[in-house]
Amino acid sequence: ASIEYDEPIALLHPNGDPQQKNIPFIVVWLVLGALFFTIRL
């Protein structure tokens, strides 16, 4: 079963800080470079 919240709820760390899913710059740097080289060659 599932229970649908009345409004979306931010997932929290145990200390109350909101959990985040970031897009790290280093990953973007490496993957965009790889994509560019793939198309260019």
PDB file of all heavy atoms in Angstrom:
ATOM      1  N   ALA A   1       0.853  -1.194   0.000  1.00  0.00           N
ATOM      2  CA  ALA A   1       0.000   0.000   0.000  1.00  0.00           C
ATOM      3  C   ALA A   1       0.881   1.234   0.000  1.00  0.00           C
ATOM      4  O   ALA A   1       2.099   1.156   0.240  1.00  0.00           O
ATOM      5  CB  ALA A   1      -0.923   0.011   1.216  1.00  0.00           C
ATOM      6  N   SER A   2       0.266   2.368  -0.285  1.00  0.00           N
ATOM      7  CA  SER A   2       0.979   3.645  -0.162  1.00  0.00           C
ATOM      8  C   SER A   2       0.048   4.676   0.448  1.00  0.00           C
ATOM      9  O   SER A   2      -1.190   4.545   0.359  1.00  0.00           O
ATOM     10  CB  SER A   2       1.481   4.126  -1.527  1.00  0.00           C
ATOM     11  OG  SER A   2       0.405   4.495  -2.359  1.00  0.00           O
ATOM     12  N   ILE A   3       0.654   5.685   1.053  1.00  0.00           N
ATOM     13  CA  ILE A   3      -0.120   6.778   1.645  1.00  0.00           C
ATOM     14  C   ILE A   3       0.347   8.071   0.992  1.00  0.00           C
ATOM     15  O   ILE A   3       1.516   8.456   1.119  1.00  0.00           O
ATOM     16  CB  ILE A   3       0.071   6.836   3.171  1.00  0.00           C
ATOM     17  CG1 ILE A   3      -0.450   5.537   3.805  1.00  0.00           C
ATOM     18  CG2 ILE A   3      -0.638   8.050   3.760  1.00  0.00           C
ATOM     19  CD1 ILE A   3      -0.159   5.404   5.279  1.00  0.00           C
ATOM     20  N   GLU A   4      -0.570   8.716   0.266  1.00  0.00           N
ATOM     21  CA  GLU A   4      -0.230   9.954  -0.439  1.00  0.00           C
ATOM     22  C   GLU A   4      -0.349  11.137   0.506  1.00  0.00           C
ATOM     23  O   GLU A   4      -1.401  11.380   1.094  1.00  0.00           O
ATOM     24  CB  GLU A   4      -1.160  10.142  -1.635  1.00  0.00           C
ATOM     25  CG  GLU A   4      -0.824  11.356  -2.475  1.00  0.00           C
ATOM     26  CD  GLU A   4      -1.773  11.529  -3.646  1.00  0.00           C
ATOM     27  OE1 GLU A   4      -2.525  10.575  -3.943  1.00  0.00           O
ATOM     28  OE2 GLU A   4      -1.764  12.608  -4.255  1.00  0.00           O
ATOM     29  N   TYR A   5       0.741  11.874   0.642  1.00  0.00           N
ATOM     30  CA  TYR A   5       0.730  13.046   1.517  1.00  0.00           C
ATOM     31  C   TYR A   5      -0.202  14.115   0.948  1.00  0.00           C
ATOM     32  O   TYR A   5      -0.394  14.215  -0.266  1.00  0.00           O
ATOM     33  CB  TYR A   5       2.135  13.650   1.645  1.00  0.00           C
ATOM     34  CG  TYR A   5       3.172  12.732   2.253  1.00  0.00           C
ATOM     35  CD1 TYR A   5       4.387  12.521   1.615  1.00  0.00           C
ATOM     36  CD2 TYR A   5       2.949  12.098   3.462  1.00  0.00           C
ATOM     37  CE1 TYR A   5       5.359  11.699   2.167  1.00  0.00           C
ATOM     38  CE2 TYR A   5       3.904  11.265   4.022  1.00  0.00           C
ATOM     39  CZ  TYR A   5       5.109  11.063   3.368  1.00  0.00           C
ATOM     40  OH  TYR A   5       6.066  10.246   3.911  1.00  0.00           O
ATOM     41  N   ASP A   6      -0.755  14.945   1.841  1.00  0.00           N
ATOM     42  CA  ASP A   6      -1.578  16.069   1.387  1.00  0.00           C
ATOM     43  C   ASP A   6      -0.726  17.053   0.593  1.00  0.00           C
ATOM     44  O   ASP A   6      -1.188  17.632  -0.389  1.00  0.00           O
ATOM     45  CB  ASP A   6      -2.217  16.779   2.590  1.00  0.00           C
ATOM     46  CG  ASP A   6      -3.175  15.853   3.340  1.00  0.00           C
ATOM     47  OD1 ASP A   6      -3.798  14.998   2.679  1.00  0.00           O
ATOM     48  OD2 ASP A   6      -3.281  15.975   4.569  1.00  0.00           O
ATOM     49  N   GLU A   7       0.549  17.230   1.000  1.00  0.00           N
ATOM     50  CA  GLU A   7       1.525  18.039   0.271  1.00  0.00           C
ATOM     51  C   GLU A   7       2.860  17.317   0.320  1.00  0.00           C
ATOM     52  O   GLU A   7       3.161  16.631   1.302  1.00  0.00           O
ATOM     53  CB  GLU A   7       1.673  19.432   0.907  1.00  0.00           C
ATOM     54  CG  GLU A   7       0.457  20.324   0.726  1.00  0.00           C
ATOM     55  CD  GLU A   7       0.689  21.717   1.291  1.00  0.00           C
ATOM     56  OE1 GLU A   7       1.821  21.987   1.758  1.00  0.00           O
ATOM     57  OE2 GLU A   7      -0.252  22.518   1.272  1.00  0.00           O
ATOM     58  N   PRO A   8       3.688  17.446  -0.749  1.00  0.00           N
ATOM     59  CA  PRO A   8       5.003  16.777  -0.726  1.00  0.00           C
ATOM     60  C   PRO A   8       5.806  17.180   0.506  1.00  0.00           C
ATOM     61  O   PRO A   8       5.785  18.337   0.932  1.00  0.00           O
ATOM     62  CB  PRO A   8       5.675  17.279  -2.012  1.00  0.00           C
ATOM     63  CG  PRO A   8       4.538  17.637  -2.909  1.00  0.00           C
ATOM     64  CD  PRO A   8       3.462  18.173  -2.009  1.00  0.00           C
ATOM     65  N   ILE A   9       6.524  16.223   1.066  1.00  0.00           N
ATOM     66  CA  ILE A   9       7.290  16.452   2.288  1.00  0.00           C
ATOM     67  C   ILE A   9       8.776  16.274   1.995  1.00  0.00           C
ATOM     68  O   ILE A   9       9.183  15.291   1.362  1.00  0.00           O
ATOM     69  CB  ILE A   9       6.853  15.464   3.397  1.00  0.00           C
ATOM     70  CG1 ILE A   9       5.392  15.737   3.783  1.00  0.00           C
ATOM     71  CG2 ILE A   9       7.756  15.560   4.613  1.00  0.00           C
ATOM     72  CD1 ILE A   9       4.833  14.748   4.787  1.00  0.00           C
ATOM     73  N   ALA A  10       9.577  17.233   2.441  1.00  0.00           N
ATOM     74  CA  ALA A  10      11.027  17.142   2.244  1.00  0.00           C
ATOM     75  C   ALA A  10      11.585  16.030   3.126  1.00  0.00           C
ATOM     76  O   ALA A  10      11.258  15.944   4.315  1.00  0.00           O
ATOM     77  CB  ALA A  10      11.690  18.465   2.596  1.00  0.00           C
ATOM     78  N   LEU A  11      12.411  15.166   2.542  1.00  0.00           N
ATOM     79  CA  LEU A  11      13.057  14.119   3.319  1.00  0.00           C
ATOM     80  C   LEU A  11      14.195  14.743   4.122  1.00  0.00           C
ATOM     81  O   LEU A  11      14.928  15.604   3.622  1.00  0.00           O
ATOM     82  CB  LEU A  11      13.592  13.024   2.409  1.00  0.00           C
ATOM     83  CG  LEU A  11      12.547  12.281   1.572  1.00  0.00           C
ATOM     84  CD1 LEU A  11      13.215  11.229   0.698  1.00  0.00           C
ATOM     85  CD2 LEU A  11      11.507  11.627   2.462  1.00  0.00           C
ATOM     86  N   LEU A  12      14.346  14.316   5.354  1.00  0.00           N
ATOM     87  CA  LEU A  12      15.291  14.948   6.272  1.00  0.00           C
ATOM     88  C   LEU A  12      16.371  13.984   6.737  1.00  0.00           C
ATOM     89  O   LEU A  12      16.152  12.778   6.825  1.00  0.00           O
ATOM     90  CB  LEU A  12      14.547  15.499   7.496  1.00  0.00           C
ATOM     91  CG  LEU A  12      13.393  16.464   7.241  1.00  0.00           C
ATOM     92  CD1 LEU A  12      12.721  16.828   8.557  1.00  0.00           C
ATOM     93  CD2 LEU A  12      13.870  17.721   6.520  1.00  0.00           C
ATOM     94  N   HIS A  13      17.535  14.544   7.051  1.00  0.00           N
ATOM     95  CA  HIS A  13      18.564  13.801   7.764  1.00  0.00           C
ATOM     96  C   HIS A  13      18.123  13.669   9.218  1.00  0.00           C
ATOM     97  O   HIS A  13      17.241  14.411   9.669  1.00  0.00           O
ATOM     98  CB  HIS A  13      19.900  14.542   7.689  1.00  0.00           C
ATOM     99  CG  HIS A  13      20.534  14.527   6.339  1.00  0.00           C
ATOM    100  ND1 HIS A  13      21.138  13.410   5.811  1.00  0.00           N
ATOM    101  CD2 HIS A  13      20.666  15.506   5.394  1.00  0.00           C
ATOM    102  CE1 HIS A  13      21.609  13.687   4.605  1.00  0.00           C
ATOM    103  NE2 HIS A  13      21.331  14.943   4.322  1.00  0.00           N
ATOM    104  N   PRO A  14      18.738  12.757   9.991  1.00  0.00           N
ATOM    105  CA  PRO A  14      18.358  12.621  11.401  1.00  0.00           C
ATOM    106  C   PRO A  14      18.404  13.934  12.187  1.00  0.00           C
ATOM    107  O   PRO A  14      17.627  14.140  13.114  1.00  0.00           O
ATOM    108  CB  PRO A  14      19.390  11.617  11.943  1.00  0.00           C
ATOM    109  CG  PRO A  14      19.710  10.768  10.752  1.00  0.00           C
ATOM    110  CD  PRO A  14      19.690  11.707   9.579  1.00  0.00           C
ATOM    111  N   ASN A  15      19.306  14.859  11.823  1.00  0.00           N
ATOM    112  CA  ASN A  15      19.416  16.121  12.576  1.00  0.00           C
ATOM    113  C   ASN A  15      18.431  17.177  12.099  1.00  0.00           C
ATOM    114  O   ASN A  15      18.446  18.316  12.580  1.00  0.00           O
ATOM    115  CB  ASN A  15      20.840  16.681  12.496  1.00  0.00           C
ATOM    116  CG  ASN A  15      21.137  17.327  11.155  1.00  0.00           C
ATOM    117  OD1 ASN A  15      20.553  16.966  10.138  1.00  0.00           O
ATOM    118  ND2 ASN A  15      22.051  18.278  11.146  1.00  0.00           N
ATOM    119  N   GLY A  16      17.590  16.824  11.112  1.00  0.00           N
ATOM    120  CA  GLY A  16      16.570  17.765  10.655  1.00  0.00           C
ATOM    121  C   GLY A  16      16.926  18.518   9.391  1.00  0.00           C
ATOM    122  O   GLY A  16      16.067  19.189   8.810  1.00  0.00           O
ATOM    123  N   ASP A  17      18.163  18.436   8.926  1.00  0.00           N
ATOM    124  CA  ASP A  17      18.543  19.093   7.674  1.00  0.00           C
ATOM    125  C   ASP A  17      17.885  18.369   6.497  1.00  0.00           C
ATOM    126  O   ASP A  17      17.793  17.141   6.498  1.00  0.00           O
ATOM    127  CB  ASP A  17      20.062  19.064   7.471  1.00  0.00           C
ATOM    128  CG  ASP A  17      20.798  19.984   8.422  1.00  0.00           C
ATOM    129  OD1 ASP A  17      20.139  20.858   9.027  1.00  0.00           O
ATOM    130  OD2 ASP A  17      22.032  19.834   8.567  1.00  0.00           O
ATOM    131  N   PRO A  18      17.420  19.114   5.480  1.00  0.00           N
ATOM    132  CA  PRO A  18      16.807  18.446   4.320  1.00  0.00           C
ATOM    133  C   PRO A  18      17.830  17.653   3.515  1.00  0.00           C
ATOM    134  O   PRO A  18      18.972  18.092   3.347  1.00  0.00           O
ATOM    135  CB  PRO A  18      16.246  19.616   3.498  1.00  0.00           C
ATOM    136  CG  PRO A  18      17.022  20.819   3.931  1.00  0.00           C
ATOM    137  CD  PRO A  18      17.383  20.580   5.375  1.00  0.00           C
ATOM    138  N   GLN A  19      17.428  16.485   3.035  1.00  0.00           N
ATOM    139  CA  GLN A  19      18.286  15.696   2.158  1.00  0.00           C
ATOM    140  C   GLN A  19      18.331  16.330   0.772  1.00  0.00           C
ATOM    141  O   GLN A  19      17.328  16.875   0.304  1.00  0.00           O
ATOM    142  CB  GLN A  19      17.765  14.262   2.038  1.00  0.00           C
ATOM    143  CG  GLN A  19      17.855  13.454   3.310  1.00  0.00           C
ATOM    144  CD  GLN A  19      17.430  12.015   3.106  1.00  0.00           C
ATOM    145  OE1 GLN A  19      17.519  11.485   2.003  1.00  0.00           O
ATOM    146  NE2 GLN A  19      16.962  11.368   4.155  1.00  0.00           N
ATOM    147  N   GLN A  20      19.514  16.255   0.128  1.00  0.00           N
ATOM    148  CA  GLN A  20      19.661  16.845  -1.197  1.00  0.00           C
ATOM    149  C   GLN A  20      20.297  15.846  -2.160  1.00  0.00           C
ATOM    150  O   GLN A  20      21.125  15.036  -1.767  1.00  0.00           O
ATOM    151  CB  GLN A  20      20.523  18.111  -1.134  1.00  0.00           C
ATOM    152  CG  GLN A  20      19.896  19.231  -0.323  1.00  0.00           C
ATOM    153  CD  GLN A  20      20.686  20.533  -0.424  1.00  0.00           C
ATOM    154  OE1 GLN A  20      21.810  20.555  -0.916  1.00  0.00           O
ATOM    155  NE2 GLN A  20      20.096  21.618   0.024  1.00  0.00           N
ATOM    156  N   LYS A  21      19.871  15.910  -3.409  1.00  0.00           N
ATOM    157  CA  LYS A  21      20.491  15.134  -4.485  1.00  0.00           C
ATOM    158  C   LYS A  21      21.110  16.133  -5.452  1.00  0.00           C
ATOM    159  O   LYS A  21      20.427  16.733  -6.282  1.00  0.00           O
ATOM    160  CB  LYS A  21      19.447  14.267  -5.210  1.00  0.00           C
ATOM    161  CG  LYS A  21      18.890  13.126  -4.385  1.00  0.00           C
ATOM    162  CD  LYS A  21      19.892  11.999  -4.235  1.00  0.00           C
ATOM    163  CE  LYS A  21      19.246  10.811  -3.523  1.00  0.00           C
ATOM    164  NZ  LYS A  21      20.179   9.692  -3.354  1.00  0.00           N
ATOM    165  N   ASN A  22      22.405  16.356  -5.312  1.00  0.00           N
ATOM    166  CA  ASN A  22      23.082  17.352  -6.126  1.00  0.00           C
ATOM    167  C   ASN A  22      23.635  16.745  -7.410  1.00  0.00           C
ATOM    168  O   ASN A  22      23.793  15.536  -7.536  1.00  0.00           O
ATOM    169  CB  ASN A  22      24.220  17.995  -5.327  1.00  0.00           C
ATOM    170  CG  ASN A  22      23.709  18.822  -4.164  1.00  0.00           C
ATOM    171  OD1 ASN A  22      22.884  19.708  -4.347  1.00  0.00           O
ATOM    172  ND2 ASN A  22      24.183  18.525  -2.966  1.00  0.00           N
ATOM    173  N   ILE A  23      23.929  17.623  -8.370  1.00  0.00           N
ATOM    174  CA  ILE A  23      24.590  17.226  -9.616  1.00  0.00           C
ATOM    175  C   ILE A  23      26.014  17.771  -9.536  1.00  0.00           C
ATOM    176  O   ILE A  23      26.244  18.940  -9.837  1.00  0.00           O
ATOM    177  CB  ILE A  23      23.855  17.795 -10.847  1.00  0.00           C
ATOM    178  CG1 ILE A  23      22.386  17.360 -10.835  1.00  0.00           C
ATOM    179  CG2 ILE A  23      24.541  17.352 -12.132  1.00  0.00           C
ATOM    180  CD1 ILE A  23      21.561  17.937 -11.967  1.00  0.00           C
ATOM    181  N   PRO A  24      26.980  16.957  -9.084  1.00  0.00           N
ATOM    182  CA  PRO A  24      28.335  17.472  -8.861  1.00  0.00           C
ATOM    183  C   PRO A  24      28.980  17.987 -10.140  1.00  0.00           C
ATOM    184  O   PRO A  24      28.882  17.358 -11.195  1.00  0.00           O
ATOM    185  CB  PRO A  24      29.100  16.254  -8.309  1.00  0.00           C
ATOM    186  CG  PRO A  24      28.042  15.310  -7.848  1.00  0.00           C
ATOM    187  CD  PRO A  24      26.868  15.536  -8.737  1.00  0.00           C
ATOM    188  N   PHE A  25      29.647  19.124 -10.036  1.00  0.00           N
ATOM    189  CA  PHE A  25      30.298  19.744 -11.184  1.00  0.00           C
ATOM    190  C   PHE A  25      31.331  18.806 -11.819  1.00  0.00           C
ATOM    191  O   PHE A  25      31.445  18.737 -13.040  1.00  0.00           O
ATOM    192  CB  PHE A  25      30.972  21.051 -10.755  1.00  0.00           C
ATOM    193  CG  PHE A  25      31.778  21.692 -11.847  1.00  0.00           C
ATOM    194  CD1 PHE A  25      31.156  22.216 -12.967  1.00  0.00           C
ATOM    195  CD2 PHE A  25      33.163  21.761 -11.774  1.00  0.00           C
ATOM    196  CE1 PHE A  25      31.890  22.804 -13.995  1.00  0.00           C
ATOM    197  CE2 PHE A  25      33.908  22.336 -12.787  1.00  0.00           C
ATOM    198  CZ  PHE A  25      33.267  22.871 -13.899  1.00  0.00           C
ATOM    199  N   ILE A  26      32.081  18.053 -10.988  1.00  0.00           N
ATOM    200  CA  ILE A  26      33.128  17.181 -11.514  1.00  0.00           C
ATOM    201  C   ILE A  26      32.532  16.101 -12.414  1.00  0.00           C
ATOM    202  O   ILE A  26      33.112  15.735 -13.442  1.00  0.00           O
ATOM    203  CB  ILE A  26      33.951  16.536 -10.357  1.00  0.00           C
ATOM    204  CG1 ILE A  26      35.108  15.729 -10.919  1.00  0.00           C
ATOM    205  CG2 ILE A  26      33.077  15.676  -9.466  1.00  0.00           C
ATOM    206  CD1 ILE A  26      36.148  16.540 -11.630  1.00  0.00           C
ATOM    207  N   VAL A  27      31.343  15.598 -12.056  1.00  0.00           N
ATOM    208  CA  VAL A  27      30.695  14.572 -12.877  1.00  0.00           C
ATOM    209  C   VAL A  27      30.216  15.185 -14.189  1.00  0.00           C
ATOM    210  O   VAL A  27      30.375  14.595 -15.266  1.00  0.00           O
ATOM    211  CB  VAL A  27      29.514  13.926 -12.115  1.00  0.00           C
ATOM    212  CG1 VAL A  27      28.792  12.913 -12.989  1.00  0.00           C
ATOM    213  CG2 VAL A  27      30.015  13.248 -10.850  1.00  0.00           C
ATOM    214  N   VAL A  28      29.650  16.377 -14.103  1.00  0.00           N
ATOM    215  CA  VAL A  28      29.212  17.087 -15.315  1.00  0.00           C
ATOM    216  C   VAL A  28      30.411  17.339 -16.229  1.00  0.00           C
ATOM    217  O   VAL A  28      30.343  17.139 -17.446  1.00  0.00           O
ATOM    218  CB  VAL A  28      28.532  18.424 -14.944  1.00  0.00           C
ATOM    219  CG1 VAL A  28      28.178  19.221 -16.194  1.00  0.00           C
ATOM    220  CG2 VAL A  28      27.284  18.174 -14.109  1.00  0.00           C
ATOM    221  N   TRP A  29      31.521  17.775 -15.640  1.00  0.00           N
ATOM    222  CA  TRP A  29      32.753  18.076 -16.388  1.00  0.00           C
ATOM    223  C   TRP A  29      33.242  16.843 -17.150  1.00  0.00           C
ATOM    224  O   TRP A  29      33.578  16.915 -18.327  1.00  0.00           O
ATOM    225  CB  TRP A  29      33.798  18.565 -15.395  1.00  0.00           C
ATOM    226  CG  TRP A  29      35.144  18.919 -15.952  1.00  0.00           C
ATOM    227  CD1 TRP A  29      36.303  18.223 -15.780  1.00  0.00           C
ATOM    228  CD2 TRP A  29      35.491  20.058 -16.746  1.00  0.00           C
ATOM    229  NE1 TRP A  29      37.354  18.857 -16.412  1.00  0.00           N
ATOM    230  CE2 TRP A  29      36.888  19.989 -17.009  1.00  0.00           C
ATOM    231  CE3 TRP A  29      34.771  21.130 -17.257  1.00  0.00           C
ATOM    232  CZ2 TRP A  29      37.554  20.942 -17.767  1.00  0.00           C
ATOM    233  CZ3 TRP A  29      35.438  22.085 -18.003  1.00  0.00           C
ATOM    234  CH2 TRP A  29      36.809  21.987 -18.259  1.00  0.00           C
ATOM    235  N   LEU A  30      33.273  15.695 -16.470  1.00  0.00           N
ATOM    236  CA  LEU A  30      33.771  14.463 -17.083  1.00  0.00           C
ATOM    237  C   LEU A  30      32.805  13.911 -18.141  1.00  0.00           C
ATOM    238  O   LEU A  30      33.220  13.518 -19.230  1.00  0.00           O
ATOM    239  CB  LEU A  30      34.013  13.403 -16.008  1.00  0.00           C
ATOM    240  CG  LEU A  30      35.233  13.624 -15.106  1.00  0.00           C
ATOM    241  CD1 LEU A  30      35.177  12.713 -13.885  1.00  0.00           C
ATOM    242  CD2 LEU A  30      36.522  13.378 -15.873  1.00  0.00           C
ATOM    243  N   VAL A  31      31.514  13.893 -17.817  1.00  0.00           N
ATOM    244  CA  VAL A  31      30.531  13.295 -18.733  1.00  0.00           C
ATOM    245  C   VAL A  31      30.316  14.171 -19.966  1.00  0.00           C
ATOM    246  O   VAL A  31      30.234  13.660 -21.085  1.00  0.00           O
ATOM    247  CB  VAL A  31      29.197  13.033 -17.999  1.00  0.00           C
ATOM    248  CG1 VAL A  31      28.124  12.588 -18.983  1.00  0.00           C
ATOM    249  CG2 VAL A  31      29.385  11.978 -16.919  1.00  0.00           C
ATOM    250  N   LEU A  32      30.242  15.498 -19.789  1.00  0.00           N
ATOM    251  CA  LEU A  32      30.079  16.381 -20.950  1.00  0.00           C
ATOM    252  C   LEU A  32      31.302  16.308 -21.862  1.00  0.00           C
ATOM    253  O   LEU A  32      31.176  16.339 -23.088  1.00  0.00           O
ATOM    254  CB  LEU A  32      29.840  17.823 -20.500  1.00  0.00           C
ATOM    255  CG  LEU A  32      28.445  18.143 -19.953  1.00  0.00           C
ATOM    256  CD1 LEU A  32      28.326  19.626 -19.635  1.00  0.00           C
ATOM    257  CD2 LEU A  32      27.353  17.730 -20.930  1.00  0.00           C
ATOM    258  N   GLY A  33      32.489  16.204 -21.255  1.00  0.00           N
ATOM    259  CA  GLY A  33      33.703  16.038 -22.048  1.00  0.00           C
ATOM    260  C   GLY A  33      33.644  14.759 -22.861  1.00  0.00           C
ATOM    261  O   GLY A  33      33.929  14.748 -24.065  1.00  0.00           O
ATOM    262  N   ALA A  34      33.235  13.665 -22.210  1.00  0.00           N
ATOM    263  CA  ALA A  34      33.138  12.368 -22.896  1.00  0.00           C
ATOM    264  C   ALA A  34      32.104  12.410 -24.018  1.00  0.00           C
ATOM    265  O   ALA A  34      32.316  11.859 -25.106  1.00  0.00           O
ATOM    266  CB  ALA A  34      32.776  11.281 -21.889  1.00  0.00           C
ATOM    267  N   LEU A  35      30.973  13.076 -23.773  1.00  0.00           N
ATOM    268  CA  LEU A  35      29.928  13.196 -24.788  1.00  0.00           C
ATOM    269  C   LEU A  35      30.429  14.006 -25.988  1.00  0.00           C
ATOM    270  O   LEU A  35      30.200  13.636 -27.154  1.00  0.00           O
ATOM    271  CB  LEU A  35      28.688  13.858 -24.180  1.00  0.00           C
ATOM    272  CG  LEU A  35      27.487  14.056 -25.110  1.00  0.00           C
ATOM    273  CD1 LEU A  35      26.974  12.716 -25.627  1.00  0.00           C
ATOM    274  CD2 LEU A  35      26.372  14.809 -24.388  1.00  0.00           C
ATOM    275  N   PHE A  36      31.140  15.102 -25.705  1.00  0.00           N
ATOM    276  CA  PHE A  36      31.686  15.945 -26.775  1.00  0.00           C
ATOM    277  C   PHE A  36      32.687  15.168 -27.631  1.00  0.00           C
ATOM    278  O   PHE A  36      32.621  15.199 -28.866  1.00  0.00           O
ATOM    279  CB  PHE A  36      32.357  17.185 -26.176  1.00  0.00           C
ATOM    280  CG  PHE A  36      33.106  18.015 -27.175  1.00  0.00           C
ATOM    281  CD1 PHE A  36      32.426  18.840 -28.053  1.00  0.00           C
ATOM    282  CD2 PHE A  36      34.490  17.960 -27.249  1.00  0.00           C
ATOM    283  CE1 PHE A  36      33.110  19.610 -29.000  1.00  0.00           C
ATOM    284  CE2 PHE A  36      35.190  18.718 -28.181  1.00  0.00           C
ATOM    285  CZ  PHE A  36      34.491  19.550 -29.062  1.00  0.00           C
ATOM    286  N   PHE A  37      33.607  14.440 -26.982  1.00  0.00           N
ATOM    287  CA  PHE A  37      34.616  13.682 -27.734  1.00  0.00           C
ATOM    288  C   PHE A  37      33.962  12.564 -28.557  1.00  0.00           C
ATOM    289  O   PHE A  37      34.409  12.258 -29.672  1.00  0.00           O
ATOM    290  CB  PHE A  37      35.667  13.100 -26.786  1.00  0.00           C
ATOM    291  CG  PHE A  37      36.404  14.133 -25.982  1.00  0.00           C
ATOM    292  CD1 PHE A  37      36.676  13.928 -24.628  1.00  0.00           C
ATOM    293  CD2 PHE A  37      36.818  15.323 -26.561  1.00  0.00           C
ATOM    294  CE1 PHE A  37      37.349  14.880 -23.887  1.00  0.00           C
ATOM    295  CE2 PHE A  37      37.499  16.284 -25.823  1.00  0.00           C
ATOM    296  CZ  PHE A  37      37.755  16.066 -24.483  1.00  0.00           C
ATOM    297  N   THR A  38      32.913  11.958 -28.005  1.00  0.00           N
ATOM    298  CA  THR A  38      32.206  10.887 -28.716  1.00  0.00           C
ATOM    299  C   THR A  38      31.595  11.411 -30.014  1.00  0.00           C
ATOM    300  O   THR A  38      31.746  10.806 -31.083  1.00  0.00           O
ATOM    301  CB  THR A  38      31.098  10.288 -27.827  1.00  0.00           C
ATOM    302  OG1 THR A  38      31.702   9.724 -26.651  1.00  0.00           O
ATOM    303  CG2 THR A  38      30.326   9.201 -28.558  1.00  0.00           C
ATOM    304  N   ILE A  39      30.918  12.555 -29.934  1.00  0.00           N
ATOM    305  CA  ILE A  39      30.263  13.137 -31.114  1.00  0.00           C
ATOM    306  C   ILE A  39      31.316  13.673 -32.093  1.00  0.00           C
ATOM    307  O   ILE A  39      31.219  13.461 -33.311  1.00  0.00           O
ATOM    308  CB  ILE A  39      29.287  14.254 -30.690  1.00  0.00           C
ATOM    309  CG1 ILE A  39      28.147  13.659 -29.852  1.00  0.00           C
ATOM    310  CG2 ILE A  39      28.733  14.985 -31.909  1.00  0.00           C
ATOM    311  CD1 ILE A  39      27.249  14.685 -29.197  1.00  0.00           C
ATOM    312  N   ARG A  40      32.332  14.359 -31.542  1.00  0.00           N
ATOM    313  CA  ARG A  40      33.365  14.982 -32.391  1.00  0.00           C
ATOM    314  C   ARG A  40      34.137  13.942 -33.211  1.00  0.00           C
ATOM    315  O   ARG A  40      34.543  14.215 -34.350  1.00  0.00           O
ATOM    316  CB  ARG A  40      34.322  15.772 -31.492  1.00  0.00           C
ATOM    317  CG  ARG A  40      35.439  16.507 -32.218  1.00  0.00           C
ATOM    318  CD  ARG A  40      34.908  17.665 -33.043  1.00  0.00           C
ATOM    319  NE  ARG A  40      35.978  18.456 -33.615  1.00  0.00           N
ATOM    320  CZ  ARG A  40      36.707  18.120 -34.670  1.00  0.00           C
ATOM    321  NH1 ARG A  40      36.468  16.970 -35.291  1.00  0.00           N
ATOM    322  NH2 ARG A  40      37.666  18.923 -35.121  1.00  0.00           N
ATOM    323  N   LEU A  41      34.327  12.745 -32.661  1.00  0.00           N
ATOM    324  CA  LEU A  41      35.092  11.703 -33.355  1.00  0.00           C
ATOM    325  C   LEU A  41      34.187  10.669 -34.028  1.00  0.00           C
ATOM    326  O   LEU A  41      34.636   9.572 -34.375  1.00  0.00           O
ATOM    327  CB  LEU A  41      36.050  11.007 -32.384  1.00  0.00           C
ATOM    328  CG  LEU A  41      37.143  11.908 -31.785  1.00  0.00           C
ATOM    329  CD1 LEU A  41      37.986  11.132 -30.785  1.00  0.00           C
ATOM    330  CD2 LEU A  41      38.034  12.498 -32.878  1.00  0.00           C
TER     331      LEU A  41
END
